[in-house]
N, C-alpha and C. Protein backbone atom coordinates (compact mmCIF):
# COMPACT_ATOMS: atom_id res chain seq x y z
N MET A 1 96.95 -39.91 -44.41
CA MET A 1 97.32 -38.70 -43.70
C MET A 1 98.50 -38.00 -44.36
N GLY A 2 99.15 -38.70 -45.28
CA GLY A 2 100.24 -38.07 -46.00
C GLY A 2 101.52 -37.89 -45.21
N LEU A 3 101.69 -38.68 -44.14
CA LEU A 3 102.88 -38.52 -43.30
C LEU A 3 104.04 -39.42 -43.70
N LEU A 4 103.78 -40.36 -44.64
CA LEU A 4 104.82 -41.32 -44.99
C LEU A 4 104.62 -41.78 -46.42
N GLU A 5 105.67 -41.72 -47.20
CA GLU A 5 105.63 -42.21 -48.57
C GLU A 5 105.78 -43.73 -48.57
N ARG A 6 105.03 -44.39 -49.42
CA ARG A 6 105.08 -45.86 -49.50
C ARG A 6 106.51 -46.35 -49.80
N THR A 7 107.22 -45.64 -50.66
CA THR A 7 108.59 -46.06 -51.00
C THR A 7 109.51 -45.97 -49.79
N GLU A 8 109.33 -44.94 -48.96
CA GLU A 8 110.16 -44.80 -47.76
C GLU A 8 109.81 -45.90 -46.74
N LEU A 9 108.53 -46.24 -46.63
CA LEU A 9 108.11 -47.33 -45.75
C LEU A 9 108.80 -48.62 -46.16
N LYS A 10 108.79 -48.91 -47.45
CA LYS A 10 109.44 -50.15 -47.94
C LYS A 10 110.94 -50.14 -47.66
N ARG A 11 111.58 -49.01 -47.87
CA ARG A 11 113.02 -48.92 -47.59
C ARG A 11 113.29 -49.19 -46.11
N TRP A 12 112.42 -48.67 -45.22
CA TRP A 12 112.56 -48.93 -43.79
C TRP A 12 112.35 -50.41 -43.49
N GLN A 13 111.32 -51.00 -44.10
CA GLN A 13 111.03 -52.41 -43.87
C GLN A 13 112.19 -53.31 -44.31
N TYR A 14 112.90 -52.90 -45.34
CA TYR A 14 114.05 -53.68 -45.81
C TYR A 14 115.32 -53.37 -45.01
N GLY A 15 115.23 -52.42 -44.08
CA GLY A 15 116.39 -52.11 -43.24
C GLY A 15 117.33 -51.09 -43.85
N ASP A 16 116.90 -50.44 -44.93
CA ASP A 16 117.76 -49.44 -45.58
C ASP A 16 117.71 -48.08 -44.88
N ILE A 17 116.71 -47.88 -44.05
CA ILE A 17 116.57 -46.65 -43.27
C ILE A 17 116.65 -47.05 -41.80
N PRO A 18 117.52 -46.43 -41.00
CA PRO A 18 117.76 -46.90 -39.64
C PRO A 18 116.57 -46.78 -38.68
N TYR A 19 115.71 -45.78 -38.89
CA TYR A 19 114.54 -45.62 -38.03
C TYR A 19 113.48 -44.85 -38.80
N LEU A 20 112.22 -45.19 -38.56
CA LEU A 20 111.11 -44.64 -39.33
C LEU A 20 110.96 -43.13 -39.15
N GLU A 21 111.25 -42.64 -37.97
CA GLU A 21 111.15 -41.20 -37.67
C GLU A 21 111.93 -40.36 -38.69
N LYS A 22 112.97 -40.92 -39.25
CA LYS A 22 113.82 -40.20 -40.19
C LYS A 22 113.08 -39.82 -41.48
N VAL A 23 112.05 -40.58 -41.85
CA VAL A 23 111.39 -40.34 -43.14
C VAL A 23 109.92 -39.94 -43.02
N ILE A 24 109.37 -39.87 -41.81
CA ILE A 24 107.99 -39.40 -41.72
C ILE A 24 107.97 -37.89 -41.91
N HIS A 25 106.88 -37.41 -42.48
CA HIS A 25 106.78 -35.99 -42.83
C HIS A 25 106.17 -35.16 -41.71
N CYS A 26 106.70 -35.34 -40.51
CA CYS A 26 106.32 -34.52 -39.36
C CYS A 26 107.36 -34.76 -38.28
N ASN A 27 107.32 -33.94 -37.24
CA ASN A 27 108.26 -34.15 -36.14
C ASN A 27 107.69 -35.19 -35.17
N LEU A 28 108.52 -35.61 -34.24
CA LEU A 28 108.12 -36.66 -33.31
C LEU A 28 106.96 -36.21 -32.42
N SER A 29 106.88 -34.92 -32.11
CA SER A 29 105.77 -34.42 -31.30
C SER A 29 104.44 -34.62 -32.00
N LYS A 30 104.38 -34.29 -33.28
CA LYS A 30 103.14 -34.47 -34.03
C LYS A 30 102.81 -35.96 -34.17
N ALA A 31 103.80 -36.78 -34.45
CA ALA A 31 103.56 -38.21 -34.58
C ALA A 31 103.03 -38.78 -33.26
N SER A 32 103.60 -38.35 -32.14
CA SER A 32 103.14 -38.81 -30.84
C SER A 32 101.71 -38.36 -30.57
N ARG A 33 101.39 -37.15 -30.98
CA ARG A 33 100.02 -36.63 -30.81
C ARG A 33 99.03 -37.47 -31.62
N VAL A 34 99.39 -37.81 -32.84
CA VAL A 34 98.54 -38.65 -33.68
C VAL A 34 98.32 -40.00 -33.01
N LEU A 35 99.38 -40.58 -32.48
CA LEU A 35 99.26 -41.88 -31.80
C LEU A 35 98.38 -41.80 -30.56
N ARG A 36 98.49 -40.69 -29.80
CA ARG A 36 97.64 -40.51 -28.62
C ARG A 36 96.17 -40.40 -29.01
N ILE A 37 95.90 -39.64 -30.07
CA ILE A 37 94.51 -39.49 -30.54
C ILE A 37 93.95 -40.83 -31.00
N LEU A 38 94.75 -41.59 -31.74
CA LEU A 38 94.30 -42.93 -32.15
C LEU A 38 94.02 -43.80 -30.93
N GLY A 39 94.88 -43.70 -29.92
CA GLY A 39 94.68 -44.47 -28.69
C GLY A 39 93.39 -44.09 -27.98
N MET A 40 93.06 -42.79 -27.97
CA MET A 40 91.81 -42.35 -27.33
C MET A 40 90.60 -42.90 -28.08
N HIS A 41 90.65 -42.85 -29.41
CA HIS A 41 89.55 -43.41 -30.19
C HIS A 41 89.44 -44.92 -29.98
N ALA A 42 90.56 -45.60 -29.94
CA ALA A 42 90.56 -47.04 -29.71
C ALA A 42 89.96 -47.36 -28.34
N HIS A 43 90.29 -46.56 -27.35
CA HIS A 43 89.74 -46.74 -26.01
C HIS A 43 88.22 -46.56 -26.04
N ASP A 44 87.76 -45.49 -26.71
CA ASP A 44 86.33 -45.22 -26.80
C ASP A 44 85.58 -46.35 -27.50
N LEU A 45 86.25 -47.04 -28.40
CA LEU A 45 85.63 -48.14 -29.14
C LEU A 45 85.88 -49.50 -28.47
N ASP A 46 86.46 -49.48 -27.27
CA ASP A 46 86.76 -50.71 -26.51
C ASP A 46 87.66 -51.67 -27.29
N LEU A 47 88.61 -51.13 -28.00
CA LEU A 47 89.56 -51.98 -28.72
C LEU A 47 90.67 -52.41 -27.77
N GLY A 48 91.17 -53.60 -28.00
CA GLY A 48 92.31 -54.08 -27.23
C GLY A 48 93.61 -53.62 -27.87
N ARG A 49 94.68 -53.71 -27.11
CA ARG A 49 96.00 -53.32 -27.61
C ARG A 49 96.88 -54.55 -27.73
N LYS A 50 97.63 -54.59 -28.80
CA LYS A 50 98.56 -55.68 -29.03
C LYS A 50 99.86 -55.08 -29.53
N THR A 51 100.96 -55.34 -28.85
CA THR A 51 102.26 -54.83 -29.28
C THR A 51 102.89 -55.85 -30.22
N VAL A 52 103.37 -55.37 -31.35
CA VAL A 52 103.91 -56.24 -32.40
C VAL A 52 105.39 -55.94 -32.57
N GLN A 53 106.19 -56.97 -32.73
CA GLN A 53 107.61 -56.78 -33.01
C GLN A 53 107.79 -56.68 -34.52
N TYR A 54 108.20 -55.53 -35.00
CA TYR A 54 108.44 -55.33 -36.42
C TYR A 54 109.85 -55.79 -36.76
N MET A 55 109.94 -56.60 -37.81
CA MET A 55 111.23 -57.14 -38.25
C MET A 55 111.45 -56.77 -39.72
N THR A 56 112.72 -56.70 -40.11
CA THR A 56 113.02 -56.41 -41.50
C THR A 56 112.47 -57.50 -42.39
N ILE A 57 112.22 -57.13 -43.65
CA ILE A 57 111.76 -58.09 -44.65
C ILE A 57 112.84 -58.23 -45.71
N GLY A 58 112.69 -59.22 -46.56
CA GLY A 58 113.65 -59.42 -47.65
C GLY A 58 114.51 -60.64 -47.39
N LYS A 59 115.11 -61.14 -48.44
CA LYS A 59 115.89 -62.37 -48.37
C LYS A 59 117.40 -62.13 -48.34
N MET A 60 117.81 -60.90 -48.62
CA MET A 60 119.24 -60.63 -48.75
C MET A 60 119.95 -60.41 -47.42
N LYS A 61 119.19 -60.04 -46.39
CA LYS A 61 119.79 -59.75 -45.09
C LYS A 61 119.12 -60.62 -44.03
N PRO A 62 119.81 -60.90 -42.92
CA PRO A 62 119.15 -61.62 -41.82
C PRO A 62 118.08 -60.73 -41.20
N LYS A 63 117.03 -61.34 -40.67
CA LYS A 63 115.95 -60.59 -40.01
C LYS A 63 116.53 -59.84 -38.81
N ALA A 64 116.06 -58.60 -38.66
CA ALA A 64 116.50 -57.76 -37.54
C ALA A 64 115.32 -56.91 -37.10
N PRO A 65 115.27 -56.54 -35.81
CA PRO A 65 114.19 -55.67 -35.35
C PRO A 65 114.28 -54.29 -36.02
N LEU A 66 113.12 -53.74 -36.33
CA LEU A 66 113.06 -52.39 -36.90
C LEU A 66 112.84 -51.38 -35.78
N ARG A 67 113.42 -50.20 -35.96
CA ARG A 67 113.24 -49.12 -34.99
C ARG A 67 112.35 -48.05 -35.59
N PHE A 68 111.56 -47.44 -34.72
CA PHE A 68 110.68 -46.35 -35.12
C PHE A 68 111.32 -44.99 -34.84
N SER A 69 112.08 -44.89 -33.74
CA SER A 69 112.61 -43.60 -33.32
C SER A 69 114.14 -43.59 -33.32
N LYS A 70 114.68 -42.40 -33.44
CA LYS A 70 116.14 -42.24 -33.41
C LYS A 70 116.72 -42.68 -32.08
N THR A 71 116.01 -42.31 -30.99
CA THR A 71 116.54 -42.60 -29.65
C THR A 71 116.34 -44.05 -29.22
N GLY A 72 115.35 -44.72 -29.81
CA GLY A 72 115.05 -46.09 -29.39
C GLY A 72 114.33 -46.15 -28.06
N ASP A 73 113.80 -45.02 -27.59
CA ASP A 73 113.06 -44.96 -26.33
C ASP A 73 111.96 -46.02 -26.32
N LEU A 74 111.91 -46.83 -25.26
CA LEU A 74 110.96 -47.94 -25.21
C LEU A 74 109.51 -47.49 -25.28
N GLY A 75 109.18 -46.37 -24.65
CA GLY A 75 107.81 -45.86 -24.69
C GLY A 75 107.39 -45.46 -26.10
N ILE A 76 108.28 -44.80 -26.79
CA ILE A 76 108.00 -44.39 -28.17
C ILE A 76 107.91 -45.61 -29.07
N GLU A 77 108.85 -46.52 -28.92
CA GLU A 77 108.83 -47.73 -29.74
C GLU A 77 107.54 -48.53 -29.51
N ARG A 78 107.13 -48.66 -28.26
CA ARG A 78 105.91 -49.39 -27.93
C ARG A 78 104.68 -48.70 -28.52
N ALA A 79 104.65 -47.38 -28.44
CA ALA A 79 103.50 -46.64 -28.98
C ALA A 79 103.35 -46.87 -30.49
N PHE A 80 104.45 -46.82 -31.21
CA PHE A 80 104.40 -47.04 -32.65
C PHE A 80 104.07 -48.50 -33.00
N ALA A 81 104.47 -49.43 -32.16
CA ALA A 81 104.29 -50.85 -32.45
C ALA A 81 102.96 -51.39 -31.93
N THR A 82 102.10 -50.53 -31.40
CA THR A 82 100.82 -50.97 -30.87
C THR A 82 99.77 -51.07 -31.98
N HIS A 83 99.14 -52.22 -32.04
CA HIS A 83 98.01 -52.43 -32.94
C HIS A 83 96.76 -52.45 -32.08
N PHE A 84 95.67 -51.93 -32.61
CA PHE A 84 94.40 -51.95 -31.90
C PHE A 84 93.53 -53.03 -32.53
N VAL A 85 93.00 -53.89 -31.68
CA VAL A 85 92.26 -55.05 -32.17
C VAL A 85 90.88 -55.13 -31.54
N VAL A 86 89.95 -55.71 -32.29
CA VAL A 86 88.59 -55.90 -31.80
C VAL A 86 88.61 -57.04 -30.79
N ILE A 87 87.99 -56.79 -29.64
CA ILE A 87 87.83 -57.82 -28.61
C ILE A 87 86.35 -58.20 -28.61
N GLY A 88 86.06 -59.47 -28.71
CA GLY A 88 84.67 -59.90 -28.75
C GLY A 88 84.14 -59.91 -30.17
N SER A 89 82.84 -59.70 -30.30
CA SER A 89 82.21 -59.84 -31.61
C SER A 89 82.38 -58.58 -32.45
N LEU A 90 82.47 -58.79 -33.75
CA LEU A 90 82.53 -57.66 -34.67
C LEU A 90 81.21 -56.91 -34.68
N GLU A 91 80.13 -57.61 -34.42
CA GLU A 91 78.81 -56.95 -34.38
C GLU A 91 78.79 -55.89 -33.28
N LYS A 92 79.29 -56.25 -32.10
CA LYS A 92 79.35 -55.30 -30.99
C LYS A 92 80.23 -54.10 -31.37
N PHE A 93 81.36 -54.38 -32.01
CA PHE A 93 82.26 -53.31 -32.43
C PHE A 93 81.58 -52.39 -33.44
N HIS A 94 80.93 -52.97 -34.44
CA HIS A 94 80.27 -52.16 -35.47
C HIS A 94 79.15 -51.31 -34.87
N THR A 95 78.42 -51.86 -33.90
CA THR A 95 77.38 -51.09 -33.24
C THR A 95 77.99 -49.90 -32.52
N LYS A 96 79.09 -50.15 -31.79
CA LYS A 96 79.77 -49.07 -31.07
C LYS A 96 80.33 -48.05 -32.05
N LEU A 97 80.93 -48.51 -33.13
CA LEU A 97 81.49 -47.62 -34.14
C LEU A 97 80.40 -46.77 -34.77
N LEU A 98 79.28 -47.37 -35.11
CA LEU A 98 78.18 -46.62 -35.70
C LEU A 98 77.65 -45.57 -34.72
N GLY A 99 77.54 -45.95 -33.47
CA GLY A 99 77.08 -45.01 -32.44
C GLY A 99 78.06 -43.85 -32.29
N ALA A 100 79.35 -44.12 -32.38
CA ALA A 100 80.37 -43.07 -32.24
C ALA A 100 80.32 -42.12 -33.43
N SER A 101 80.01 -42.64 -34.60
CA SER A 101 80.00 -41.77 -35.78
C SER A 101 78.75 -40.91 -35.82
N LEU A 102 77.70 -41.30 -35.09
CA LEU A 102 76.46 -40.52 -35.07
C LEU A 102 76.49 -39.40 -34.05
N SER A 103 77.43 -39.48 -33.08
CA SER A 103 77.46 -38.44 -32.03
C SER A 103 78.29 -37.26 -32.41
């Protein structure tokens, strides 16, 4: 989607950037809209939600939680940290995905 440079992502993962929102190439409103649309598609595909705690990487600093937003708002942080996962069989998921792409 072109909203984030790989180098900036790595800098954030290493803790060199205080929050991801600072380096994404859109405002928080657009990022939130993208996340909502992904959530709607995930819902339509019966995907489950899993919240993941993102931590810094690297050996030079102690592990610390990563932030997505400047404000640290829990709703925003949770939205960015949500992974969508297949529940049940992959065959069922692929059938649903194929059906969604045909409509």
